[in-house]
Amino acid sequence: MDIFDSLDSFLKRLRSRATVDPVRDWLVLLSVSMIALVGIIVWNVWTFSTVAAGGTIGTSATKAPMVFDNSSLDTIHAIFEKRATEEAKYMTGTYRFADPSQ
């Protein structure tokens, strides 16, 4: 509770000293926005030029040796072969079905 009390007293002191000046507030808002916009533009230009030159952003990844398991590839080929044979059965007329939309 002590933190909230000190925060509340700090905010009360800020509000009591603050004068309403819309021109100043808008200038501060626009200045901060322009600084943020310039920062974003500079960041994007730097990023683009770095990547366009072939560089990387951050640390470059280390190349690990490729570890490939042919058994998983054989399983995938078997699944696609089964699908192809089922599709062929529909195309050749082995399977017949009634289309309910007809």
PDB file of N, CA and C in Angstrom:
ATOM      1  N   MET A   1       0.815  -1.191   0.000  1.00  0.00           N
ATOM      2  CA  MET A   1       0.000   0.000   0.000  1.00  0.00           C
ATOM      3  C   MET A   1       0.854   1.249   0.000  1.00  0.00           C
ATOM      4  N   ASP A   2       2.042   1.157   0.556  1.00  0.00           N
ATOM      5  CA  ASP A   2       2.913   2.318   0.646  1.00  0.00           C
ATOM      6  C   ASP A   2       3.314   2.827  -0.740  1.00  0.00           C
ATOM      7  N   ILE A   3       3.498   1.907  -1.680  1.00  0.00           N
ATOM      8  CA  ILE A   3       3.869   2.300  -3.043  1.00  0.00           C
ATOM      9  C   ILE A   3       2.733   3.081  -3.685  1.00  0.00           C
ATOM     10  N   PHE A   4       1.505   2.609  -3.506  1.00  0.00           N
ATOM     11  CA  PHE A   4       0.364   3.296  -4.101  1.00  0.00           C
ATOM     12  C   PHE A   4       0.159   4.675  -3.478  1.00  0.00           C
ATOM     13  N   ASP A   5       0.421   4.794  -2.169  1.00  0.00           N
ATOM     14  CA  ASP A   5       0.278   6.097  -1.507  1.00  0.00           C
ATOM     15  C   ASP A   5       1.307   7.088  -2.039  1.00  0.00           C
ATOM     16  N   SER A   6       2.538   6.627  -2.199  1.00  0.00           N
ATOM     17  CA  SER A   6       3.572   7.534  -2.708  1.00  0.00           C
ATOM     18  C   SER A   6       3.315   7.892  -4.166  1.00  0.00           C
ATOM     19  N   LEU A   7       2.813   6.949  -4.935  1.00  0.00           N
ATOM     20  CA  LEU A   7       2.475   7.230  -6.325  1.00  0.00           C
ATOM     21  C   LEU A   7       1.320   8.228  -6.404  1.00  0.00           C
ATOM     22  N   ASP A   8       0.340   8.057  -5.548  1.00  0.00           N
ATOM     23  CA  ASP A   8      -0.804   8.966  -5.534  1.00  0.00           C
ATOM     24  C   ASP A   8      -0.372  10.383  -5.143  1.00  0.00           C
ATOM     25  N   SER A   9       0.500  10.500  -4.164  1.00  0.00           N
ATOM     26  CA  SER A   9       0.969  11.835  -3.764  1.00  0.00           C
ATOM     27  C   SER A   9       1.805  12.473  -4.865  1.00  0.00           C
ATOM     28  N   PHE A  10       2.590  11.660  -5.572  1.00  0.00           N
ATOM     29  CA  PHE A  10       3.377  12.182  -6.689  1.00  0.00           C
ATOM     30  C   PHE A  10       2.475  12.704  -7.797  1.00  0.00           C
ATOM     31  N   LEU A  11       1.429  11.959  -8.115  1.00  0.00           N
ATOM     32  CA  LEU A  11       0.505  12.397  -9.164  1.00  0.00           C
ATOM     33  C   LEU A  11      -0.253  13.653  -8.749  1.00  0.00           C
ATOM     34  N   LYS A  12      -0.587  13.784  -7.470  1.00  0.00           N
ATOM     35  CA  LYS A  12      -1.260  14.995  -6.996  1.00  0.00           C
ATOM     36  C   LYS A  12      -0.352  16.212  -7.125  1.00  0.00           C
ATOM     37  N   ARG A  13       0.941  16.045  -6.819  1.00  0.00           N
ATOM     38  CA  ARG A  13       1.878  17.160  -6.967  1.00  0.00           C
ATOM     39  C   ARG A  13       2.033  17.551  -8.431  1.00  0.00           C
ATOM     40  N   LEU A  14       2.039  16.555  -9.327  1.00  0.00           N
ATOM     41  CA  LEU A  14       2.141  16.881 -10.744  1.00  0.00           C
ATOM     42  C   LEU A  14       0.907  17.639 -11.233  1.00  0.00           C
ATOM     43  N   ARG A  15      -0.268  17.206 -10.795  1.00  0.00           N
ATOM     44  CA  ARG A  15      -1.501  17.859 -11.228  1.00  0.00           C
ATOM     45  C   ARG A  15      -1.626  19.266 -10.667  1.00  0.00           C
ATOM     46  N   SER A  16      -1.156  19.494  -9.472  1.00  0.00           N
ATOM     47  CA  SER A  16      -1.309  20.815  -8.868  1.00  0.00           C
ATOM     48  C   SER A  16      -0.415  21.847  -9.549  1.00  0.00           C
ATOM     49  N   ARG A  17       0.762  21.433 -10.038  1.00  0.00           N
ATOM     50  CA  ARG A  17       1.671  22.361 -10.694  1.00  0.00           C
ATOM     51  C   ARG A  17       1.404  22.501 -12.187  1.00  0.00           C
ATOM     52  N   ALA A  18       0.660  21.603 -12.766  1.00  0.00           N
ATOM     53  CA  ALA A  18       0.444  21.607 -14.208  1.00  0.00           C
ATOM     54  C   ALA A  18      -0.545  22.690 -14.594  1.00  0.00           C
ATOM     55  N   THR A  19      -0.136  23.482 -15.559  1.00  0.00           N
ATOM     56  CA  THR A  19      -1.054  24.475 -16.114  1.00  0.00           C
ATOM     57  C   THR A  19      -1.517  23.970 -17.463  1.00  0.00           C
ATOM     58  N   VAL A  20      -2.726  24.317 -17.805  1.00  0.00           N
ATOM     59  CA  VAL A  20      -3.292  23.861 -19.064  1.00  0.00           C
ATOM     60  C   VAL A  20      -2.768  24.766 -20.180  1.00  0.00           C
ATOM     61  N   ASP A  21      -2.000  24.193 -21.079  1.00  0.00           N
ATOM     62  CA  ASP A  21      -1.461  24.927 -22.216  1.00  0.00           C
ATOM     63  C   ASP A  21      -1.558  24.013 -23.443  1.00  0.00           C
ATOM     64  N   PRO A  22      -2.657  24.103 -24.193  1.00  0.00           N
ATOM     65  CA  PRO A  22      -2.859  23.188 -25.319  1.00  0.00           C
ATOM     66  C   PRO A  22      -1.796  23.321 -26.401  1.00  0.00           C
ATOM     67  N   VAL A  23      -1.301  24.529 -26.640  1.00  0.00           N
ATOM     68  CA  VAL A  23      -0.285  24.700 -27.675  1.00  0.00           C
ATOM     69  C   VAL A  23       0.985  23.949 -27.298  1.00  0.00           C
ATOM     70  N   ARG A  24       1.417  24.087 -26.054  1.00  0.00           N
ATOM     71  CA  ARG A  24       2.603  23.379 -25.579  1.00  0.00           C
ATOM     72  C   ARG A  24       2.397  21.870 -25.651  1.00  0.00           C
ATOM     73  N   ASP A  25       1.208  21.411 -25.242  1.00  0.00           N
ATOM     74  CA  ASP A  25       0.926  19.981 -25.246  1.00  0.00           C
ATOM     75  C   ASP A  25       0.963  19.414 -26.664  1.00  0.00           C
ATOM     76  N   TRP A  26       0.371  20.166 -27.622  1.00  0.00           N
ATOM     77  CA  TRP A  26       0.383  19.705 -29.011  1.00  0.00           C
ATOM     78  C   TRP A  26       1.800  19.728 -29.573  1.00  0.00           C
ATOM     79  N   LEU A  27       2.573  20.739 -29.236  1.00  0.00           N
ATOM     80  CA  LEU A  27       3.954  20.783 -29.712  1.00  0.00           C
ATOM     81  C   LEU A  27       4.777  19.629 -29.155  1.00  0.00           C
ATOM     82  N   VAL A  28       4.579  19.328 -27.898  1.00  0.00           N
ATOM     83  CA  VAL A  28       5.282  18.182 -27.303  1.00  0.00           C
ATOM     84  C   VAL A  28       4.845  16.890 -27.985  1.00  0.00           C
ATOM     85  N   LEU A  29       3.552  16.725 -28.197  1.00  0.00           N
ATOM     86  CA  LEU A  29       3.035  15.520 -28.843  1.00  0.00           C
ATOM     87  C   LEU A  29       3.583  15.380 -30.257  1.00  0.00           C
ATOM     88  N   LEU A  30       3.542  16.467 -31.024  1.00  0.00           N
ATOM     89  CA  LEU A  30       4.047  16.409 -32.394  1.00  0.00           C
ATOM     90  C   LEU A  30       5.560  16.207 -32.433  1.00  0.00           C
ATOM     91  N   SER A  31       6.277  16.816 -31.508  1.00  0.00           N
ATOM     92  CA  SER A  31       7.731  16.633 -31.464  1.00  0.00           C
ATOM     93  C   SER A  31       8.095  15.186 -31.157  1.00  0.00           C
ATOM     94  N   VAL A  32       7.439  14.617 -30.181  1.00  0.00           N
ATOM     95  CA  VAL A  32       7.707  13.213 -29.838  1.00  0.00           C
ATOM     96  C   VAL A  32       7.325  12.300 -31.003  1.00  0.00           C
ATOM     97  N   SER A  33       6.219  12.610 -31.661  1.00  0.00           N
ATOM     98  CA  SER A  33       5.798  11.801 -32.811  1.00  0.00           C
ATOM     99  C   SER A  33       6.807  11.901 -33.947  1.00  0.00           C
ATOM    100  N   MET A  34       7.304  13.097 -34.219  1.00  0.00           N
ATOM    101  CA  MET A  34       8.284  13.270 -35.290  1.00  0.00           C
ATOM    102  C   MET A  34       9.600  12.559 -34.954  1.00  0.00           C
ATOM    103  N   ILE A  35      10.023  12.627 -33.709  1.00  0.00           N
ATOM    104  CA  ILE A  35      11.244  11.917 -33.304  1.00  0.00           C
ATOM    105  C   ILE A  35      11.058  10.413 -33.472  1.00  0.00           C
ATOM    106  N   ALA A  36       9.890   9.909 -33.096  1.00  0.00           N
ATOM    107  CA  ALA A  36       9.611   8.474 -33.259  1.00  0.00           C
ATOM    108  C   ALA A  36       9.578   8.104 -34.735  1.00  0.00           C
ATOM    109  N   LEU A  37       8.960   8.939 -35.569  1.00  0.00           N
ATOM    110  CA  LEU A  37       8.884   8.666 -37.003  1.00  0.00           C
ATOM    111  C   LEU A  37      10.273   8.665 -37.633  1.00  0.00           C
ATOM    112  N   VAL A  38      11.102   9.628 -37.280  1.00  0.00           N
ATOM    113  CA  VAL A  38      12.465   9.666 -37.808  1.00  0.00           C
ATOM    114  C   VAL A  38      13.238   8.432 -37.347  1.00  0.00           C
ATOM    115  N   GLY A  39      13.058   8.042 -36.099  1.00  0.00           N
ATOM    116  CA  GLY A  39      13.723   6.836 -35.602  1.00  0.00           C
ATOM    117  C   GLY A  39      13.300   5.593 -36.355  1.00  0.00           C
ATOM    118  N   ILE A  40      12.026   5.480 -36.638  1.00  0.00           N
ATOM    119  CA  ILE A  40      11.515   4.313 -37.377  1.00  0.00           C
ATOM    120  C   ILE A  40      12.062   4.309 -38.795  1.00  0.00           C
ATOM    121  N   ILE A  41      12.077   5.480 -39.440  1.00  0.00           N
ATOM    122  CA  ILE A  41      12.588   5.559 -40.810  1.00  0.00           C
ATOM    123  C   ILE A  41      14.072   5.204 -40.853  1.00  0.00           C
ATOM    124  N   VAL A  42      14.848   5.746 -39.916  1.00  0.00           N
ATOM    125  CA  VAL A  42      16.281   5.432 -39.880  1.00  0.00           C
ATOM    126  C   VAL A  42      16.491   3.938 -39.644  1.00  0.00           C
ATOM    127  N   TRP A  43      15.730   3.355 -38.747  1.00  0.00           N
ATOM    128  CA  TRP A  43      15.848   1.915 -38.472  1.00  0.00           C
ATOM    129  C   TRP A  43      15.531   1.102 -39.726  1.00  0.00           C
ATOM    130  N   ASN A  44      14.458   1.457 -40.438  1.00  0.00           N
ATOM    131  CA  ASN A  44      14.077   0.702 -41.634  1.00  0.00           C
ATOM    132  C   ASN A  44      15.098   0.864 -42.751  1.00  0.00           C
ATOM    133  N   VAL A  45      15.646   2.058 -42.920  1.00  0.00           N
ATOM    134  CA  VAL A  45      16.664   2.258 -43.950  1.00  0.00           C
ATOM    135  C   VAL A  45      17.912   1.458 -43.609  1.00  0.00           C
ATOM    136  N   TRP A  46      18.326   1.479 -42.346  1.00  0.00           N
ATOM    137  CA  TRP A  46      19.494   0.705 -41.939  1.00  0.00           C
ATOM    138  C   TRP A  46      19.258  -0.789 -42.146  1.00  0.00           C
ATOM    139  N   THR A  47      18.082  -1.263 -41.761  1.00  0.00           N
ATOM    140  CA  THR A  47      17.761  -2.686 -41.917  1.00  0.00           C
ATOM    141  C   THR A  47      17.763  -3.071 -43.389  1.00  0.00           C
ATOM    142  N   PHE A  48      17.136  -2.250 -44.226  1.00  0.00           N
ATOM    143  CA  PHE A  48      17.087  -2.562 -45.654  1.00  0.00           C
ATOM    144  C   PHE A  48      18.480  -2.577 -46.256  1.00  0.00           C
ATOM    145  N   SER A  49      19.283  -1.579 -45.929  1.00  0.00           N
ATOM    146  CA  SER A  49      20.627  -1.529 -46.511  1.00  0.00           C
ATOM    147  C   SER A  49      21.489  -2.690 -46.025  1.00  0.00           C
ATOM    148  N   THR A  50      21.320  -3.104 -44.782  1.00  0.00           N
ATOM    149  CA  THR A  50      22.078  -4.234 -44.264  1.00  0.00           C
ATOM    150  C   THR A  50      21.692  -5.524 -44.973  1.00  0.00           C
ATOM    151  N   VAL A  51      20.389  -5.746 -45.127  1.00  0.00           N
ATOM    152  CA  VAL A  51      19.921  -6.976 -45.770  1.00  0.00           C
ATOM    153  C   VAL A  51      20.228  -6.952 -47.264  1.00  0.00           C
ATOM    154  N   ALA A  52      20.088  -5.774 -47.897  1.00  0.00           N
ATOM    155  CA  ALA A  52      20.379  -5.668 -49.328  1.00  0.00           C
ATOM    156  C   ALA A  52      21.856  -5.921 -49.614  1.00  0.00           C
ATOM    157  N   ALA A  53      22.719  -5.601 -48.659  1.00  0.00           N
ATOM    158  CA  ALA A  53      24.152  -5.833 -48.833  1.00  0.00           C
ATOM    159  C   ALA A  53      24.543  -7.271 -48.507  1.00  0.00           C
ATOM    160  N   GLY A  54      23.583  -8.093 -48.124  1.00  0.00           N
ATOM    161  CA  GLY A  54      23.874  -9.495 -47.837  1.00  0.00           C
ATOM    162  C   GLY A  54      24.149  -9.774 -46.380  1.00  0.00           C
ATOM    163  N   GLY A  55      23.973  -8.799 -45.529  1.00  0.00           N
ATOM    164  CA  GLY A  55      24.219  -8.995 -44.104  1.00  0.00           C
ATOM    165  C   GLY A  55      23.019  -9.619 -43.408  1.00  0.00           C
ATOM    166  N   THR A  56      23.184  -9.843 -42.126  1.00  0.00           N
ATOM    167  CA  THR A  56      22.097 -10.392 -41.326  1.00  0.00           C
ATOM    168  C   THR A  56      21.790  -9.443 -40.179  1.00  0.00           C
ATOM    169  N   ILE A  57      20.575  -9.485 -39.730  1.00  0.00           N
ATOM    170  CA  ILE A  57      20.155  -8.701 -38.577  1.00  0.00           C
ATOM    171  C   ILE A  57      20.309  -9.598 -37.357  1.00  0.00           C
ATOM    172  N   GLY A  58      21.052  -9.171 -36.393  1.00  0.00           N
ATOM    173  CA  GLY A  58      21.291  -9.994 -35.213  1.00  0.00           C
ATOM    174  C   GLY A  58      22.429 -10.955 -35.463  1.00  0.00           C
ATOM    175  N   THR A  59      22.454 -12.019 -34.690  1.00  0.00           N
ATOM    176  CA  THR A  59      23.518 -13.000 -34.838  1.00  0.00           C
ATOM    177  C   THR A  59      23.186 -13.940 -35.983  1.00  0.00           C
ATOM    178  N   SER A  60      24.187 -14.282 -36.754  1.00  0.00           N
ATOM    179  CA  SER A  60      23.951 -15.189 -37.874  1.00  0.00           C
ATOM    180  C   SER A  60      23.835 -16.617 -37.348  1.00  0.00           C
ATOM    181  N   ALA A  61      22.998 -17.374 -37.976  1.00  0.00           N
ATOM    182  CA  ALA A  61      22.754 -18.746 -37.558  1.00  0.00           C
ATOM    183  C   ALA A  61      23.934 -19.625 -37.960  1.00  0.00           C
ATOM    184  N   THR A  62      24.264 -20.544 -37.093  1.00  0.00           N
ATOM    185  CA  THR A  62      25.323 -21.489 -37.432  1.00  0.00           C
ATOM    186  C   THR A  62      24.717 -22.592 -38.278  1.00  0.00           C
ATOM    187  N   LYS A  63      25.482 -23.069 -39.207  1.00  0.00           N
ATOM    188  CA  LYS A  63      24.975 -24.108 -40.099  1.00  0.00           C
ATOM    189  C   LYS A  63      25.249 -25.478 -39.474  1.00  0.00           C
ATOM    190  N   ALA A  64      24.189 -26.155 -39.167  1.00  0.00           N
ATOM    191  CA  ALA A  64      24.302 -27.485 -38.592  1.00  0.00           C
ATOM    192  C   ALA A  64      24.228 -28.497 -39.730  1.00  0.00           C
ATOM    193  N   PRO A  65      24.852 -29.621 -39.567  1.00  0.00           N
ATOM    194  CA  PRO A  65      24.757 -30.641 -40.617  1.00  0.00           C
ATOM    195  C   PRO A  65      23.322 -31.137 -40.742  1.00  0.00           C
ATOM    196  N   MET A  66      22.948 -31.406 -41.974  1.00  0.00           N
ATOM    197  CA  MET A  66      21.591 -31.873 -42.227  1.00  0.00           C
ATOM    198  C   MET A  66      21.413 -33.289 -41.689  1.00  0.00           C
ATOM    199  N   VAL A  67      20.417 -33.460 -40.864  1.00  0.00           N
ATOM    200  CA  VAL A  67      20.077 -34.773 -40.342  1.00  0.00           C
ATOM    201  C   VAL A  67      18.755 -35.142 -40.979  1.00  0.00           C
ATOM    202  N   PHE A  68      18.790 -36.159 -41.840  1.00  0.00           N
ATOM    203  CA  PHE A  68      17.600 -36.513 -42.585  1.00  0.00           C
ATOM    204  C   PHE A  68      17.317 -37.987 -42.419  1.00  0.00           C
ATOM    205  N   ASP A  69      16.072 -38.276 -42.136  1.00  0.00           N
ATOM    206  CA  ASP A  69      15.656 -39.652 -41.925  1.00  0.00           C
ATOM    207  C   ASP A  69      14.815 -40.084 -43.115  1.00  0.00           C
ATOM    208  N   ASN A  70      15.301 -41.053 -43.884  1.00  0.00           N
ATOM    209  CA  ASN A  70      14.584 -41.508 -45.076  1.00  0.00           C
ATOM    210  C   ASN A  70      13.332 -42.288 -44.737  1.00  0.00           C
ATOM    211  N   SER A  71      13.234 -42.832 -43.544  1.00  0.00           N
ATOM    212  CA  SER A  71      12.051 -43.626 -43.203  1.00  0.00           C
ATOM    213  C   SER A  71      10.803 -42.738 -43.146  1.00  0.00           C
ATOM    214  N   SER A  72      10.955 -41.502 -42.665  1.00  0.00           N
ATOM    215  CA  SER A  72       9.801 -40.606 -42.647  1.00  0.00           C
ATOM    216  C   SER A  72       9.397 -40.228 -44.061  1.00  0.00           C
ATOM    217  N   LEU A  73      10.353 -40.061 -44.939  1.00  0.00           N
ATOM    218  CA  LEU A  73      10.048 -39.756 -46.336  1.00  0.00           C
ATOM    219  C   LEU A  73       9.349 -40.934 -47.009  1.00  0.00           C
ATOM    220  N   ASP A  74       9.774 -42.148 -46.695  1.00  0.00           N
ATOM    221  CA  ASP A  74       9.117 -43.336 -47.246  1.00  0.00           C
ATOM    222  C   ASP A  74       7.676 -43.438 -46.757  1.00  0.00           C
ATOM    223  N   THR A  75       7.441 -43.083 -45.508  1.00  0.00           N
ATOM    224  CA  THR A  75       6.080 -43.101 -44.961  1.00  0.00           C
ATOM    225  C   THR A  75       5.194 -42.100 -45.700  1.00  0.00           C
ATOM    226  N   ILE A  76       5.724 -40.927 -45.966  1.00  0.00           N
ATOM    227  CA  ILE A  76       4.950 -39.905 -46.683  1.00  0.00           C
ATOM    228  C   ILE A  76       4.646 -40.369 -48.101  1.00  0.00           C
ATOM    229  N   HIS A  77       5.629 -40.979 -48.769  1.00  0.00           N
ATOM    230  CA  HIS A  77       5.395 -41.503 -50.119  1.00  0.00           C
ATOM    231  C   HIS A  77       4.317 -42.584 -50.105  1.00  0.00           C
ATOM    232  N   ALA A  78       4.320 -43.433 -49.100  1.00  0.00           N
ATOM    233  CA  ALA A  78       3.309 -44.491 -49.008  1.00  0.00           C
ATOM    234  C   ALA A  78       1.921 -43.898 -48.823  1.00  0.00           C
ATOM    235  N   ILE A  79       1.802 -42.857 -48.026  1.00  0.00           N
ATOM    236  CA  ILE A  79       0.499 -42.216 -47.819  1.00  0.00           C
ATOM    237  C   ILE A  79      -0.014 -41.630 -49.123  1.00  0.00           C
ATOM    238  N   PHE A  80       0.858 -40.950 -49.875  1.00  0.00           N
ATOM    239  CA  PHE A  80       0.425 -40.365 -51.135  1.00  0.00           C
ATOM    240  C   PHE A  80       0.102 -41.420 -52.180  1.00  0.00           C
ATOM    241  N   GLU A  81       0.799 -42.557 -52.141  1.00  0.00           N
ATOM    242  CA  GLU A  81       0.470 -43.650 -53.065  1.00  0.00           C
ATOM    243  C   GLU A  81      -0.909 -44.215 -52.757  1.00  0.00           C
ATOM    244  N   LYS A  82      -1.237 -44.367 -51.473  1.00  0.00           N
ATOM    245  CA  LYS A  82      -2.572 -44.851 -51.099  1.00  0.00           C
ATOM    246  C   LYS A  82      -3.648 -43.873 -51.565  1.00  0.00           C
ATOM    247  N   ARG A  83      -3.398 -42.594 -51.393  1.00  0.00           N
ATOM    248  CA  ARG A  83      -4.361 -41.591 -51.847  1.00  0.00           C
ATOM    249  C   ARG A  83      -4.526 -41.633 -53.362  1.00  0.00           C
ATOM    250  N   ALA A  84      -3.425 -41.832 -54.069  1.00  0.00           N
ATOM    251  CA  ALA A  84      -3.493 -41.885 -55.530  1.00  0.00           C
ATOM    252  C   ALA A  84      -4.284 -43.096 -56.001  1.00  0.00           C
ATOM    253  N   THR A  85      -4.117 -44.240 -55.319  1.00  0.00           N
ATOM    254  CA  THR A  85      -4.881 -45.427 -55.725  1.00  0.00           C
ATOM    255  C   THR A  85      -6.360 -45.243 -55.427  1.00  0.00           C
ATOM    256  N   GLU A  86      -6.704 -44.594 -54.309  1.00  0.00           N
ATOM    257  CA  GLU A  86      -8.112 -44.325 -54.012  1.00  0.00           C
ATOM    258  C   GLU A  86      -8.710 -43.363 -55.033  1.00  0.00           C
ATOM    259  N   GLU A  87      -7.943 -42.360 -55.422  1.00  0.00           N
ATOM    260  CA  GLU A  87      -8.440 -41.415 -56.425  1.00  0.00           C
ATOM    261  C   GLU A  87      -8.638 -42.117 -57.763  1.00  0.00           C
ATOM    262  N   ALA A  88      -7.739 -43.022 -58.094  1.00  0.00           N
ATOM    263  CA  ALA A  88      -7.870 -43.766 -59.350  1.00  0.00           C
ATOM    264  C   ALA A  88      -9.119 -44.631 -59.334  1.00  0.00           C
ATOM    265  N   LYS A  89      -9.476 -45.183 -58.193  1.00  0.00           N
ATOM    266  CA  LYS A  89     -10.680 -46.004 -58.107  1.00  0.00           C
ATOM    267  C   LYS A  89     -11.929 -45.170 -58.376  1.00  0.00           C
ATOM    268  N   TYR A  90     -11.941 -43.923 -57.945  1.00  0.00           N
ATOM    269  CA  TYR A  90     -13.071 -43.050 -58.237  1.00  0.00           C
ATOM    270  C   TYR A  90     -13.092 -42.672 -59.715  1.00  0.00           C
ATOM    271  N   MET A  91     -11.916 -42.433 -60.286  1.00  0.00           N
ATOM    272  CA  MET A  91     -11.836 -41.996 -61.674  1.00  0.00           C
ATOM    273  C   MET A  91     -12.185 -43.128 -62.642  1.00  0.00           C
ATOM    274  N   THR A  92     -11.792 -44.361 -62.328  1.00  0.00           N
ATOM    275  CA  THR A  92     -12.047 -45.481 -63.235  1.00  0.00           C
ATOM    276  C   THR A  92     -13.441 -46.056 -63.083  1.00  0.00           C
ATOM    277  N   GLY A  93     -14.147 -45.690 -62.048  1.00  0.00           N
ATOM    278  CA  GLY A  93     -15.507 -46.182 -61.875  1.00  0.00           C
ATOM    279  C   GLY A  93     -15.610 -47.358 -60.938  1.00  0.00           C
ATOM    280  N   THR A  94     -14.531 -47.763 -60.291  1.00  0.00           N
ATOM    281  CA  THR A  94     -14.590 -48.852 -59.323  1.00  0.00           C
ATOM    282  C   THR A  94     -15.506 -48.462 -58.172  1.00  0.00           C
ATOM    283  N   TYR A  95     -15.351 -47.246 -57.710  1.00  0.00           N
ATOM    284  CA  TYR A  95     -16.241 -46.717 -56.680  1.00  0.00           C
ATOM    285  C   TYR A  95     -17.323 -45.895 -57.367  1.00  0.00           C
ATOM    286  N   ARG A  96     -18.564 -46.096 -56.924  1.00  0.00           N
ATOM    287  CA  ARG A  96     -19.658 -45.279 -57.425  1.00  0.00           C
ATOM    288  C   ARG A  96     -20.317 -44.608 -56.225  1.00  0.00           C
ATOM    289  N   PHE A  97     -20.704 -43.377 -56.434  1.00  0.00           N
ATOM    290  CA  PHE A  97     -21.381 -42.690 -55.368  1.00  0.00           C
ATOM    291  C   PHE A  97     -22.482 -41.832 -55.973  1.00  0.00           C
ATOM    292  N   ALA A  98     -23.497 -41.608 -55.155  1.00  0.00           N
ATOM    293  CA  ALA A  98     -24.611 -40.781 -55.592  1.00  0.00           C
ATOM    294  C   ALA A  98     -24.385 -39.364 -55.096  1.00  0.00           C
ATOM    295  N   ASP A  99     -24.433 -38.421 -56.018  1.00  0.00           N
ATOM    296  CA  ASP A  99     -24.245 -37.031 -55.669  1.00  0.00           C
ATOM    297  C   ASP A  99     -25.587 -36.476 -55.207  1.00  0.00           C
ATOM    298  N   PRO A 100     -25.728 -36.085 -53.940  1.00  0.00           N
ATOM    299  CA  PRO A 100     -27.011 -35.617 -53.451  1.00  0.00           C
ATOM    300  C   PRO A 100     -27.423 -34.260 -54.031  1.00  0.00           C
ATOM    301  N   SER A 101     -26.512 -33.550 -54.616  1.00  0.00           N
ATOM    302  CA  SER A 101     -26.866 -32.250 -55.176  1.00  0.00           C
ATOM    303  C   SER A 101     -27.467 -32.366 -56.569  1.00  0.00           C
ATOM    304  N   GLN A 102     -27.407 -33.546 -57.180  1.00  0.00           N
ATOM    305  CA  GLN A 102     -27.944 -33.743 -58.543  1.00  0.00           C
ATOM    306  C   GLN A 102     -29.395 -34.113 -58.502  1.00  0.00           C
TER     307      GLN A 102
END
